[in-house]
Protein backbone atom coordinates (compact mmCIF):
# COMPACT_ATOMS: atom_id res chain seq x y z
CA THR A 1 0.00 0.00 0.00
CA VAL A 2 0.93 3.67 0.00
CA GLY A 3 0.54 5.87 3.06
CA SER A 4 -1.10 9.29 3.11
CA ASP A 5 2.36 10.83 2.82
CA GLY A 6 2.98 8.96 -0.47
CA GLN A 7 5.53 6.57 1.01
CA PRO A 8 5.23 2.89 0.09
CA HIS A 9 4.38 0.56 2.95
CA SER A 10 4.93 -3.18 2.65
CA MET A 11 3.88 -5.76 5.19
CA PRO A 12 3.65 -9.55 4.82
CA VAL A 13 0.08 -10.81 5.00
CA GLY A 14 -1.46 -14.25 4.71
CA GLY A 15 -4.37 -14.72 2.42
CA VAL A 16 -5.98 -16.93 -0.16
CA TRP A 17 -6.10 -16.71 -3.96
CA ASP A 18 -9.53 -17.35 -5.53
CA ASP A 19 -8.98 -18.88 -9.01
CA THR A 20 -12.68 -18.63 -9.86
CA ARG A 21 -12.90 -14.86 -9.32
CA LEU A 22 -9.19 -14.11 -9.90
CA ARG A 23 -8.74 -12.27 -6.65
CA PHE A 24 -6.60 -12.37 -3.53
CA MET A 25 -8.37 -12.11 -0.19
CA PHE A 26 -6.90 -11.26 3.19
CA SER A 27 -8.28 -9.96 6.42
CA CYS A 28 -7.13 -7.24 8.77
CA SER A 29 -8.49 -4.94 11.40
CA PRO A 30 -10.35 -1.90 10.02
CA ASN A 31 -7.89 0.15 12.10
CA ALA A 32 -4.78 -1.53 10.64
CA ARG A 33 -2.44 0.69 8.67
CA LYS A 34 -3.06 -1.29 5.48
CA ALA A 35 -6.84 -0.81 5.84
CA ARG A 36 -6.40 2.93 6.39
CA ASP A 37 -3.98 3.19 3.45
CA LEU A 38 -6.33 1.27 1.14
CA ALA A 39 -9.27 3.46 2.17
CA LEU A 40 -7.33 6.48 0.88
CA ASN A 41 -5.71 4.80 -2.13
CA PRO A 42 -7.00 1.34 -3.13
CA ARG A 43 -4.11 0.56 -5.49
CA LEU A 44 -1.78 -2.17 -4.26
CA THR A 45 0.84 -4.72 -5.20
CA PHE A 46 1.35 -8.17 -3.72
CA THR A 47 3.90 -10.90 -4.32
CA THR A 48 4.51 -14.48 -3.34
CA SER A 49 7.30 -15.51 -0.99
CA ASP A 50 8.54 -18.20 -3.40
CA PRO A 51 11.98 -17.18 -4.75
CA VAL A 52 11.81 -19.77 -7.56
CA GLU A 53 8.31 -19.22 -8.95
CA CYS A 54 7.89 -15.49 -8.38
CA VAL A 55 4.53 -13.82 -8.89
CA SER A 56 3.85 -10.11 -8.64
CA VAL A 57 0.32 -8.73 -9.03
CA GLN A 58 -0.85 -5.12 -9.21
CA GLY A 59 -4.47 -4.27 -8.67
CA THR A 60 -7.16 -2.39 -6.83
CA ALA A 61 -8.52 -3.37 -3.43
CA HIS A 62 -12.22 -3.66 -2.70
CA ARG A 63 -13.57 -4.16 0.80
CA ILE A 64 -15.73 -7.26 1.17
CA THR A 65 -18.41 -7.15 3.84
CA ASP A 66 -20.91 -9.72 2.52
CA ALA A 67 -20.15 -13.29 3.62
CA ALA A 68 -21.46 -14.59 0.27
CA ASP A 69 -18.60 -12.75 -1.47
CA ILE A 70 -16.04 -14.52 0.73
CA ASP A 71 -17.10 -18.12 0.03
CA PRO A 72 -16.03 -19.04 -3.55
CA TRP A 73 -18.36 -22.07 -3.53
CA VAL A 74 -21.57 -20.08 -3.06
């Protein structure tokens, strides 16, 4: 994410990739820095931790509040 001062902010997060909807989902507190950063600027980048099969994705974050949007088998 990028902070309100324009500085990049990276933090490892765990999450899950949804192949059906082509999206990465993670959770955090609404008061977490990443949540505050994304509320101001939803653009983000995430990468895998695998040094052999590297993946880097750029995209736009969207807050999910409906449980039906979380379960890919609904």
